[in-house]
């Protein structure tokens, strides 16, 4: 086993016990008896998080110490915005993919156009931008690489479980491409970040671990708030 893989394992192991990592909300969503109203409420509140996700990649770009890492983050950012790069297939921006999900759930542009983030989403945003503005390089990259990209497939797989149960019960067909594609997309994003951010991971693993756990601190607040508003129970 290489030194790099040992470092990645150590970083991953540092947050496996954090309640914001595999947060109870996702298991609830996978197992809950979802109805149309719950799905609509979830979609409208989660959309405000989706809209802001690209800004976290941009924030990490502002503190990336190497050109190679800056290019990698730029490619991920282009993917988030749906910019067609050479050798990449054309695709919708990630918010546009989520809007297609909302449309399939019976929502309209009028429902989401004037939305404001719930306090949990705003807290998540403020917490991460405090790291970017403070030029905390290791912490920022730990938050984005491990608190976000690496762990997104778990979250979205749980959403897909819950939505599949709802579709079977209701007979409604939802556009779930936003969630299904992220199970693969974010694994690819993670691989890119591992390759280009490894010098930071190996030189300051403790700072990277702090960033990952700080991101999960903020995610726990976000998901606790989201769960409470949906009436979710542990």
Foldseek 3Di string as FASTA:
>chain_A
DDPLVVLVVVLLVLCPPPCLQLPPLLLLLLPPPDDLVLVLLLLLQCLVLLVCLLVLLVLLLLLDDDPLLNVLSVVVSCQQCQNDDPPDDGDHHLSVLSVQQNVLSPDDCVVRVPDDHDVLSVLLVVLLNVCSVVSLNLLSLLCPLQLPLVRLLVSLVSNVSNVVVRCVVPVRDGSSCSSVVSNVVSVVSNVSCSVRVSVSSVVCVVSSSNNNSSSSVSSNSNSVRSCVVSVGDD
